[in-house]
Amino acid sequence: MACLLALWSGAAVADGGSWELSATARSLGYRDMREPVSFTPSAAYVPQHGGWTRSWTEQRAFIGALYRVIDQRHVVVSAGGNIGTAVGVFEAKNVGQGFAELWQTKPALVWGPCARVVVRREPGQGVFARLEYAYFSAAAGEAREEVSSPSGTGTPPSARDAFFAWTSHEASAALGYDWGRFSASAGLSLIAFRLDKRLTHHVDPTGSSGNALAAILALNAFPSHYVYEPRSLVAPILSLTFRPTERLSLEGSIRPTDQPDVSLRLGLAF
C-alpha cells in the first residue's frame, strides 16, 4: 500500500513557509508473506505442516510535521516526523489442512522520523523530482483471535496470547509536474516491512500424556516467535495533489500491488 513517503508531495512543491503539518489516513497490506524466522518450542514433539499463506492488513491514521532545513528556489530539504495510531489484522491459512487463524491487534501507537528532498524547476510550477524516506514503528497485543479447523481441534484462543511488533522503512523516488493548483508524480517505492509475532501459551495440561504433554509444557514455558516479511519490496507509486490555496493541499497516492497501498493526506504549510 501507498508509500507514505509520498505523503508530503503536495506541499513539497508549494511555496508556503518553513513548516508543513498534515493529517493522513492510509490503508496498506501484504499478501503471502514469507516467514524467515519460525520458532515454536513444541516443534520437537508434534509434527509441523507446510503450505501456509500469511497476510497482513493495516489501517493507519497519523499527523506529521516537516521543517524546511534548506529552502532554496530550486532545492528544498525537509526533516520531521509522524505520530498516530494503527490497527493491524494478521491472517494465516493452510488450505491443505483446512486450518485458518486470524488476529486483530489493539490500537497501536505508530511513530517515526521522515525526510524529503525536492529538486524543482521553479516554486509551484514545472518539473520536479522528489526523494523521500520515512520510518514507522508500532507494537500492540491482540484484541481478537479467531481459529477454525475441520476437526475443531487445536489451541483455543483463550489458551494463548499474541503480541505483534512491526517496523517499516519506506523510501521513494518520483518525477512529477506542477501546474499550480494541481500536480502529479510517478516513481518507484521501496518498503522494507518486518512483522514480529510472539505467542505465549497457558494451556491446561490436565488429561494429556506423552508427546502431547511434553508439547504443552514446552509451549507454556517458552514463547513462540515468528517473523514475516513481504516477498517483494519494490513497487510503483502514483500521486495526485490539489491545492485550493497556496498553503493548503489535498493529496491522494497509491502503490498498486496485489494489496493496494492507498493514502489520503490533508496538508497545511505555514
C-alpha atoms as a PDB file:
ATOM      1  CA  MET A   1       0.000   0.000   0.000  1.00  0.00           C
ATOM      2  CA  ALA A   2       0.901   3.704  -0.515  1.00  0.00           C
ATOM      3  CA  CYS A   3       4.299   4.609   0.327  1.00  0.00           C
ATOM      4  CA  LEU A   4       3.584   7.304   2.671  1.00  0.00           C
ATOM      5  CA  LEU A   5       6.728   8.549   1.552  1.00  0.00           C
ATOM      6  CA  ALA A   6       4.614  10.267  -0.970  1.00  0.00           C
ATOM      7  CA  LEU A   7       2.766  11.642   1.867  1.00  0.00           C
ATOM      8  CA  TRP A   8       4.186  15.138   1.563  1.00  0.00           C
ATOM      9  CA  SER A   9       4.234  15.557  -2.193  1.00  0.00           C
ATOM     10  CA  GLY A  10       1.635  18.299  -2.443  1.00  0.00           C
ATOM     11  CA  ALA A  11       3.297  20.669  -0.021  1.00  0.00           C
ATOM     12  CA  ALA A  12       6.688  19.712  -1.344  1.00  0.00           C
ATOM     13  CA  VAL A  13       6.222  21.695  -4.492  1.00  0.00           C
ATOM     14  CA  ALA A  14       4.248  24.541  -2.997  1.00  0.00           C
ATOM     15  CA  ASP A  15       5.781  27.721  -1.654  1.00  0.00           C
ATOM     16  CA  GLY A  16       4.091  28.201   1.699  1.00  0.00           C
ATOM     17  CA  GLY A  17       6.516  28.630   4.615  1.00  0.00           C
ATOM     18  CA  SER A  18       9.061  26.794   6.766  1.00  0.00           C
ATOM     19  CA  TRP A  19       6.662  24.308   8.410  1.00  0.00           C
ATOM     20  CA  GLU A  20       4.284  21.744   6.958  1.00  0.00           C
ATOM     21  CA  LEU A  21       1.642  19.959   9.026  1.00  0.00           C
ATOM     22  CA  SER A  22      -0.517  17.134   7.713  1.00  0.00           C
ATOM     23  CA  ALA A  23      -3.158  14.585   8.663  1.00  0.00           C
ATOM     24  CA  THR A  24      -3.072  11.266   6.803  1.00  0.00           C
ATOM     25  CA  ALA A  25      -5.317   8.212   6.537  1.00  0.00           C
ATOM     26  CA  ARG A  26      -3.716   5.149   4.990  1.00  0.00           C
ATOM     27  CA  SER A  27      -4.697   1.576   4.179  1.00  0.00           C
ATOM     28  CA  LEU A  28      -1.989  -0.966   3.369  1.00  0.00           C
ATOM     29  CA  GLY A  29      -1.213  -4.654   3.457  1.00  0.00           C
ATOM     30  CA  TYR A  30       0.894  -7.558   2.241  1.00  0.00           C
ATOM     31  CA  ARG A  31      -0.278 -10.923   0.927  1.00  0.00           C
ATOM     32  CA  ASP A  32       1.504 -14.283   1.003  1.00  0.00           C
ATOM     33  CA  MET A  33       4.333 -13.066   3.213  1.00  0.00           C
ATOM     34  CA  ARG A  34       7.470 -15.130   3.692  1.00  0.00           C
ATOM     35  CA  GLU A  35       8.480 -16.405   7.133  1.00  0.00           C
ATOM     36  CA  PRO A  36      12.283 -16.119   7.623  1.00  0.00           C
ATOM     37  CA  VAL A  37      12.036 -16.876  11.368  1.00  0.00           C
ATOM     38  CA  SER A  38       9.805 -19.595  12.816  1.00  0.00           C
ATOM     39  CA  PHE A  39      10.326 -20.900  16.345  1.00  0.00           C
ATOM     40  CA  THR A  40       7.875 -22.888  18.420  1.00  0.00           C
ATOM     41  CA  PRO A  41       9.062 -24.884  21.452  1.00  0.00           C
ATOM     42  CA  SER A  42       6.615 -27.696  20.646  1.00  0.00           C
ATOM     43  CA  ALA A  43       8.259 -28.485  17.278  1.00  0.00           C
ATOM     44  CA  ALA A  44      10.219 -31.393  18.763  1.00  0.00           C
ATOM     45  CA  TYR A  45       7.049 -33.110  19.970  1.00  0.00           C
ATOM     46  CA  VAL A  46       4.352 -32.520  17.341  1.00  0.00           C
ATOM     47  CA  PRO A  47       4.586 -32.524  13.510  1.00  0.00           C
ATOM     48  CA  GLN A  48       4.820 -29.173  11.721  1.00  0.00           C
ATOM     49  CA  HIS A  49       2.910 -28.677   8.454  1.00  0.00           C
ATOM     50  CA  GLY A  50       3.878 -26.574   5.441  1.00  0.00           C
ATOM     51  CA  GLY A  51       1.526 -24.957   2.943  1.00  0.00           C
ATOM     52  CA  TRP A  52       0.734 -21.820   4.943  1.00  0.00           C
ATOM     53  CA  THR A  53      -0.084 -18.448   3.414  1.00  0.00           C
ATOM     54  CA  ARG A  54       0.118 -15.364   5.608  1.00  0.00           C
ATOM     55  CA  SER A  55      -1.298 -11.878   5.094  1.00  0.00           C
ATOM     56  CA  TRP A  56      -1.227  -8.560   6.924  1.00  0.00           C
ATOM     57  CA  THR A  57      -3.571  -5.587   6.537  1.00  0.00           C
ATOM     58  CA  GLU A  58      -3.228  -2.316   8.398  1.00  0.00           C
ATOM     59  CA  GLN A  59      -5.118   0.928   8.854  1.00  0.00           C
ATOM     60  CA  ARG A  60      -3.055   3.978   9.869  1.00  0.00           C
ATOM     61  CA  ALA A  61      -4.133   7.464  10.855  1.00  0.00           C
ATOM     62  CA  PHE A  62      -1.477   9.962  11.858  1.00  0.00           C
ATOM     63  CA  ILE A  63      -0.346  13.548  11.890  1.00  0.00           C
ATOM     64  CA  GLY A  64       3.015  14.733  10.655  1.00  0.00           C
ATOM     65  CA  ALA A  65       5.283  17.757  10.799  1.00  0.00           C
ATOM     66  CA  LEU A  66       8.112  18.743   8.460  1.00  0.00           C
ATOM     67  CA  TYR A  67      10.554  21.626   8.804  1.00  0.00           C
ATOM     68  CA  ARG A  68      12.348  23.050   5.771  1.00  0.00           C
ATOM     69  CA  VAL A  69      16.006  22.885   6.745  1.00  0.00           C
ATOM     70  CA  ILE A  70      17.070  24.183   3.316  1.00  0.00           C
ATOM     71  CA  ASP A  71      14.621  26.263   1.307  1.00  0.00           C
ATOM     72  CA  GLN A  72      16.160  27.472  -1.948  1.00  0.00           C
ATOM     73  CA  ARG A  73      14.486  28.327  -5.219  1.00  0.00           C
ATOM     74  CA  HIS A  74      15.419  25.031  -6.851  1.00  0.00           C
ATOM     75  CA  VAL A  75      16.152  22.777  -3.858  1.00  0.00           C
ATOM     76  CA  VAL A  76      14.144  22.095  -0.694  1.00  0.00           C
ATOM     77  CA  VAL A  77      15.347  19.771   2.081  1.00  0.00           C
ATOM     78  CA  SER A  78      12.924  18.954   4.915  1.00  0.00           C
ATOM     79  CA  ALA A  79      13.016  16.781   8.033  1.00  0.00           C
ATOM     80  CA  GLY A  80      10.399  15.884  10.623  1.00  0.00           C
ATOM     81  CA  GLY A  81       8.293  13.065  11.993  1.00  0.00           C
ATOM     82  CA  ASN A  82       4.920  11.313  12.176  1.00  0.00           C
ATOM     83  CA  ILE A  83       2.808  10.118  15.098  1.00  0.00           C
ATOM     84  CA  GLY A  84      -0.598   8.480  15.207  1.00  0.00           C
ATOM     85  CA  THR A  85      -2.392   5.173  15.607  1.00  0.00           C
ATOM     86  CA  ALA A  86      -2.624   1.902  13.666  1.00  0.00           C
ATOM     87  CA  VAL A  87      -4.656  -1.310  13.791  1.00  0.00           C
ATOM     88  CA  GLY A  88      -3.439  -4.470  12.078  1.00  0.00           C
ATOM     89  CA  VAL A  89      -5.004  -7.801  11.119  1.00  0.00           C
ATOM     90  CA  PHE A  90      -2.818 -10.888  10.664  1.00  0.00           C
ATOM     91  CA  GLU A  91      -4.295 -13.932   8.930  1.00  0.00           C
ATOM     92  CA  ALA A  92      -2.745 -17.343   8.301  1.00  0.00           C
ATOM     93  CA  LYS A  93      -4.351 -20.119   6.248  1.00  0.00           C
ATOM     94  CA  ASN A  94      -3.418 -23.681   5.406  1.00  0.00           C
ATOM     95  CA  VAL A  95      -5.739 -24.786   2.619  1.00  0.00           C
ATOM     96  CA  GLY A  96      -4.415 -28.345   2.598  1.00  0.00           C
ATOM     97  CA  GLN A  97      -5.111 -28.796   6.305  1.00  0.00           C
ATOM     98  CA  GLY A  98      -8.279 -26.690   6.237  1.00  0.00           C
ATOM     99  CA  PHE A  99      -6.927 -24.576   9.077  1.00  0.00           C
ATOM    100  CA  ALA A 100      -7.137 -20.795   9.486  1.00  0.00           C
ATOM    101  CA  GLU A 101      -6.343 -18.307  12.238  1.00  0.00           C
ATOM    102  CA  LEU A 102      -6.774 -14.557  12.493  1.00  0.00           C
ATOM    103  CA  TRP A 103      -5.702 -11.891  14.947  1.00  0.00           C
ATOM    104  CA  GLN A 104      -6.696  -8.243  15.151  1.00  0.00           C
ATOM    105  CA  THR A 105      -4.415  -6.010  17.182  1.00  0.00           C
ATOM    106  CA  LYS A 106      -5.370  -3.413  19.712  1.00  0.00           C
ATOM    107  CA  PRO A 107      -4.862   0.190  18.527  1.00  0.00           C
ATOM    108  CA  ALA A 108      -1.113   0.806  18.488  1.00  0.00           C
ATOM    109  CA  LEU A 109       0.945   3.967  18.718  1.00  0.00           C
ATOM    110  CA  VAL A 110       2.738   4.408  15.386  1.00  0.00           C
ATOM    111  CA  TRP A 111       5.556   6.914  15.055  1.00  0.00           C
ATOM    112  CA  GLY A 112       8.831   7.656  13.320  1.00  0.00           C
ATOM    113  CA  PRO A 113      11.033  10.241  11.587  1.00  0.00           C
ATOM    114  CA  CYS A 114      10.846  11.277   7.943  1.00  0.00           C
ATOM    115  CA  ALA A 115      12.845  13.355   5.460  1.00  0.00           C
ATOM    116  CA  ARG A 116      12.377  14.724   1.963  1.00  0.00           C
ATOM    117  CA  VAL A 117      14.451  16.326  -0.799  1.00  0.00           C
ATOM    118  CA  VAL A 118      12.790  18.169  -3.693  1.00  0.00           C
ATOM    119  CA  VAL A 119      14.594  19.470  -6.768  1.00  0.00           C
ATOM    120  CA  ARG A 120      12.332  21.719  -8.844  1.00  0.00           C
ATOM    121  CA  ARG A 121      12.421  23.994 -11.826  1.00  0.00           C
ATOM    122  CA  GLU A 122      10.503  26.786 -10.070  1.00  0.00           C
ATOM    123  CA  PRO A 123       8.472  27.018  -6.850  1.00  0.00           C
ATOM    124  CA  GLY A 124       4.933  25.864  -7.605  1.00  0.00           C
ATOM    125  CA  GLN A 125       5.411  25.224 -11.319  1.00  0.00           C
ATOM    126  CA  GLY A 126       7.140  22.952 -13.799  1.00  0.00           C
ATOM    127  CA  VAL A 127       9.048  19.699 -13.468  1.00  0.00           C
ATOM    128  CA  PHE A 128      10.206  18.450 -10.078  1.00  0.00           C
ATOM    129  CA  ALA A 129      11.960  15.408  -8.624  1.00  0.00           C
ATOM    130  CA  ARG A 130      11.311  14.144  -5.114  1.00  0.00           C
ATOM    131  CA  LEU A 131      13.211  11.756  -2.831  1.00  0.00           C
ATOM    132  CA  GLU A 132      11.566  10.697   0.445  1.00  0.00           C
ATOM    133  CA  TYR A 133      12.231   8.470   3.418  1.00  0.00           C
ATOM    134  CA  ALA A 134      10.073   7.580   6.413  1.00  0.00           C
ATOM    135  CA  TYR A 135      10.328   5.098   9.249  1.00  0.00           C
ATOM    136  CA  PHE A 136       7.310   3.719  11.101  1.00  0.00           C
ATOM    137  CA  SER A 137       7.312   1.648  14.287  1.00  0.00           C
ATOM    138  CA  ALA A 138       4.363   0.168  16.216  1.00  0.00           C
ATOM    139  CA  ALA A 139       3.554  -2.601  18.697  1.00  0.00           C
ATOM    140  CA  ALA A 140       0.333  -3.955  20.210  1.00  0.00           C
ATOM    141  CA  GLY A 141      -1.230  -7.003  21.764  1.00  0.00           C
ATOM    142  CA  GLU A 142      -4.195  -8.876  20.344  1.00  0.00           C
ATOM    143  CA  ALA A 143      -7.723  -7.528  20.618  1.00  0.00           C
ATOM    144  CA  ARG A 144      -9.397 -10.507  18.933  1.00  0.00           C
ATOM    145  CA  GLU A 145      -8.442 -14.014  17.788  1.00  0.00           C
ATOM    146  CA  GLU A 146     -10.350 -16.445  15.583  1.00  0.00           C
ATOM    147  CA  VAL A 147      -9.380 -20.051  14.847  1.00  0.00           C
ATOM    148  CA  SER A 148     -11.112 -22.556  12.566  1.00  0.00           C
ATOM    149  CA  SER A 149     -10.291 -26.148  11.621  1.00  0.00           C
ATOM    150  CA  PRO A 150     -12.265 -29.080  10.143  1.00  0.00           C
ATOM    151  CA  SER A 151     -11.966 -31.120  13.341  1.00  0.00           C
ATOM    152  CA  GLY A 152     -12.458 -28.227  15.716  1.00  0.00           C
ATOM    153  CA  THR A 153      -9.226 -29.164  17.491  1.00  0.00           C
ATOM    154  CA  GLY A 154      -6.171 -27.014  18.109  1.00  0.00           C
ATOM    155  CA  THR A 155      -5.109 -24.494  20.705  1.00  0.00           C
ATOM    156  CA  PRO A 156      -8.169 -22.440  21.726  1.00  0.00           C
ATOM    157  CA  PRO A 157      -7.811 -18.637  21.632  1.00  0.00           C
ATOM    158  CA  SER A 158      -8.342 -18.491  25.398  1.00  0.00           C
ATOM    159  CA  ALA A 159      -5.176 -20.562  25.950  1.00  0.00           C
ATOM    160  CA  ARG A 160      -2.724 -18.242  24.220  1.00  0.00           C
ATOM    161  CA  ASP A 161      -1.972 -14.555  23.771  1.00  0.00           C
ATOM    162  CA  ALA A 162      -0.360 -12.857  20.784  1.00  0.00           C
ATOM    163  CA  PHE A 163       1.808  -9.747  20.692  1.00  0.00           C
ATOM    164  CA  PHE A 164       2.764  -8.008  17.447  1.00  0.00           C
ATOM    165  CA  ALA A 165       5.532  -5.503  16.726  1.00  0.00           C
ATOM    166  CA  TRP A 166       6.203  -4.083  13.285  1.00  0.00           C
ATOM    167  CA  THR A 167       8.583  -1.666  11.596  1.00  0.00           C
ATOM    168  CA  SER A 168       8.663  -0.200   8.109  1.00  0.00           C
ATOM    169  CA  HIS A 169      11.488   1.571   6.287  1.00  0.00           C
ATOM    170  CA  GLU A 170       9.904   3.388   3.337  1.00  0.00           C
ATOM    171  CA  ALA A 171      11.754   5.207   0.559  1.00  0.00           C
ATOM    172  CA  SER A 172      10.572   6.603  -2.759  1.00  0.00           C
ATOM    173  CA  ALA A 173      11.916   8.441  -5.786  1.00  0.00           C
ATOM    174  CA  ALA A 174       9.482  10.182  -8.142  1.00  0.00           C
ATOM    175  CA  LEU A 175       9.310  12.628 -11.034  1.00  0.00           C
ATOM    176  CA  GLY A 176       6.371  14.972 -11.425  1.00  0.00           C
ATOM    177  CA  TYR A 177       4.944  18.107 -12.939  1.00  0.00           C
ATOM    178  CA  ASP A 178       3.318  21.043 -11.168  1.00  0.00           C
ATOM    179  CA  TRP A 179       0.597  23.060 -12.934  1.00  0.00           C
ATOM    180  CA  GLY A 180      -0.021  25.363  -9.979  1.00  0.00           C
ATOM    181  CA  ARG A 181      -3.235  24.128  -8.416  1.00  0.00           C
ATOM    182  CA  PHE A 182      -2.600  20.555  -9.495  1.00  0.00           C
ATOM    183  CA  SER A 183       0.499  18.393  -9.502  1.00  0.00           C
ATOM    184  CA  ALA A 184       1.100  14.746 -10.366  1.00  0.00           C
ATOM    185  CA  SER A 185       4.047  12.423  -9.909  1.00  0.00           C
ATOM    186  CA  ALA A 186       5.086   8.843 -10.612  1.00  0.00           C
ATOM    187  CA  GLY A 187       8.044   6.813  -9.441  1.00  0.00           C
ATOM    188  CA  LEU A 188       9.240   3.797  -7.512  1.00  0.00           C
ATOM    189  CA  SER A 189       8.926   2.983  -3.842  1.00  0.00           C
ATOM    190  CA  LEU A 190      10.838   0.561  -1.642  1.00  0.00           C
ATOM    191  CA  ILE A 191       9.288  -0.666   1.607  1.00  0.00           C
ATOM    192  CA  ALA A 192      11.268  -2.914   3.971  1.00  0.00           C
ATOM    193  CA  PHE A 193       8.496  -4.141   6.284  1.00  0.00           C
ATOM    194  CA  ARG A 194       9.020  -6.566   9.180  1.00  0.00           C
ATOM    195  CA  LEU A 195       6.345  -8.074  11.416  1.00  0.00           C
ATOM    196  CA  ASP A 196       7.252  -9.909  14.643  1.00  0.00           C
ATOM    197  CA  LYS A 197       4.665 -12.165  16.284  1.00  0.00           C
ATOM    198  CA  ARG A 198       5.130 -13.704  19.733  1.00  0.00           C
ATOM    199  CA  LEU A 199       2.750 -16.241  21.232  1.00  0.00           C
ATOM    200  CA  THR A 200       2.621 -17.052  24.939  1.00  0.00           C
ATOM    201  CA  HIS A 201       0.613 -20.099  25.984  1.00  0.00           C
ATOM    202  CA  HIS A 202      -1.194 -21.094  29.166  1.00  0.00           C
ATOM    203  CA  VAL A 203      -2.681 -24.432  28.112  1.00  0.00           C
ATOM    204  CA  ASP A 204      -4.213 -26.696  30.754  1.00  0.00           C
ATOM    205  CA  PRO A 205      -2.227 -29.983  30.625  1.00  0.00           C
ATOM    206  CA  THR A 206      -4.864 -31.969  32.524  1.00  0.00           C
ATOM    207  CA  GLY A 207      -5.543 -35.300  30.829  1.00  0.00           C
ATOM    208  CA  SER A 208      -2.565 -35.071  28.457  1.00  0.00           C
ATOM    209  CA  SER A 209       0.308 -37.539  28.294  1.00  0.00           C
ATOM    210  CA  GLY A 210       3.306 -38.461  26.178  1.00  0.00           C
ATOM    211  CA  ASN A 211       4.280 -36.090  23.398  1.00  0.00           C
ATOM    212  CA  ALA A 212       1.109 -34.050  23.837  1.00  0.00           C
ATOM    213  CA  LEU A 213       2.006 -33.317  27.460  1.00  0.00           C
ATOM    214  CA  ALA A 214       5.610 -32.519  26.545  1.00  0.00           C
ATOM    215  CA  ALA A 215       4.435 -30.122  23.824  1.00  0.00           C
ATOM    216  CA  ILE A 216       2.052 -28.332  26.213  1.00  0.00           C
ATOM    217  CA  LEU A 217       4.712 -27.954  28.897  1.00  0.00           C
ATOM    218  CA  ALA A 218       7.183 -26.586  26.326  1.00  0.00           C
ATOM    219  CA  LEU A 219       4.641 -24.103  24.966  1.00  0.00           C
ATOM    220  CA  ASN A 220       3.739 -22.904  28.454  1.00  0.00           C
ATOM    221  CA  ALA A 221       7.409 -22.461  29.358  1.00  0.00           C
ATOM    222  CA  PHE A 222       8.696 -20.575  26.305  1.00  0.00           C
ATOM    223  CA  PRO A 223       7.095 -18.099  23.847  1.00  0.00           C
ATOM    224  CA  SER A 224       6.830 -18.903  20.157  1.00  0.00           C
ATOM    225  CA  HIS A 225       8.437 -16.347  17.834  1.00  0.00           C
ATOM    226  CA  TYR A 226       7.767 -15.703  14.146  1.00  0.00           C
ATOM    227  CA  VAL A 227       8.954 -13.048  11.688  1.00  0.00           C
ATOM    228  CA  TYR A 228       7.128 -12.139   8.467  1.00  0.00           C
ATOM    229  CA  GLU A 229       8.291 -10.016   5.531  1.00  0.00           C
ATOM    230  CA  PRO A 230       6.848  -9.133   2.093  1.00  0.00           C
ATOM    231  CA  ARG A 231       8.163 -11.149  -0.837  1.00  0.00           C
ATOM    232  CA  SER A 232       8.532  -8.014  -2.980  1.00  0.00           C
ATOM    233  CA  LEU A 233       9.965  -4.740  -1.678  1.00  0.00           C
ATOM    234  CA  VAL A 234       9.710  -2.509  -4.763  1.00  0.00           C
ATOM    235  CA  ALA A 235       6.533  -1.188  -6.405  1.00  0.00           C
ATOM    236  CA  PRO A 236       5.438   1.848  -8.457  1.00  0.00           C
ATOM    237  CA  ILE A 237       3.884   4.808  -6.694  1.00  0.00           C
ATOM    238  CA  LEU A 238       1.489   7.387  -8.143  1.00  0.00           C
ATOM    239  CA  SER A 239       0.222  10.587  -6.549  1.00  0.00           C
ATOM    240  CA  LEU A 240      -2.077  13.474  -7.419  1.00  0.00           C
ATOM    241  CA  THR A 241      -2.313  16.720  -5.443  1.00  0.00           C
ATOM    242  CA  PHE A 242      -4.858  19.539  -5.449  1.00  0.00           C
ATOM    243  CA  ARG A 243      -4.038  22.904  -3.848  1.00  0.00           C
ATOM    244  CA  PRO A 244      -7.068  25.187  -3.441  1.00  0.00           C
ATOM    245  CA  THR A 245      -4.786  27.783  -1.832  1.00  0.00           C
ATOM    246  CA  GLU A 246      -1.052  28.357  -1.651  1.00  0.00           C
ATOM    247  CA  ARG A 247      -0.854  26.839   1.834  1.00  0.00           C
ATOM    248  CA  LEU A 248      -3.492  24.087   1.721  1.00  0.00           C
ATOM    249  CA  SER A 249      -3.153  20.799  -0.185  1.00  0.00           C
ATOM    250  CA  LEU A 250      -5.082  17.554  -0.591  1.00  0.00           C
ATOM    251  CA  GLU A 251      -3.144  14.577  -1.899  1.00  0.00           C
ATOM    252  CA  GLY A 252      -4.060  11.041  -2.840  1.00  0.00           C
ATOM    253  CA  SER A 253      -1.454   8.381  -3.555  1.00  0.00           C
ATOM    254  CA  ILE A 254      -1.457   4.698  -4.420  1.00  0.00           C
ATOM    255  CA  ARG A 255       1.089   1.931  -4.524  1.00  0.00           C
ATOM    256  CA  PRO A 256      -0.642  -0.535  -6.897  1.00  0.00           C
ATOM    257  CA  THR A 257       0.244  -4.047  -5.710  1.00  0.00           C
ATOM    258  CA  ASP A 258      -1.825  -7.181  -5.064  1.00  0.00           C
ATOM    259  CA  GLN A 259      -2.866  -5.452  -1.817  1.00  0.00           C
ATOM    260  CA  PRO A 260      -3.037  -1.757  -2.850  1.00  0.00           C
ATOM    261  CA  ASP A 261      -1.441   0.772  -0.509  1.00  0.00           C
ATOM    262  CA  VAL A 262      -3.673   3.856  -0.575  1.00  0.00           C
ATOM    263  CA  SER A 263      -3.386   7.119   1.348  1.00  0.00           C
ATOM    264  CA  LEU A 264      -5.186  10.448   1.578  1.00  0.00           C
ATOM    265  CA  ARG A 265      -3.387  13.425   3.086  1.00  0.00           C
ATOM    266  CA  LEU A 266      -4.504  16.927   4.056  1.00  0.00           C
ATOM    267  CA  GLY A 267      -1.557  19.317   4.355  1.00  0.00           C
ATOM    268  CA  LEU A 268      -1.032  22.853   5.634  1.00  0.00           C
ATOM    269  CA  ALA A 269       2.122  24.918   5.064  1.00  0.00           C
ATOM    270  CA  PHE A 270       2.931  27.966   7.151  1.00  0.00           C
END
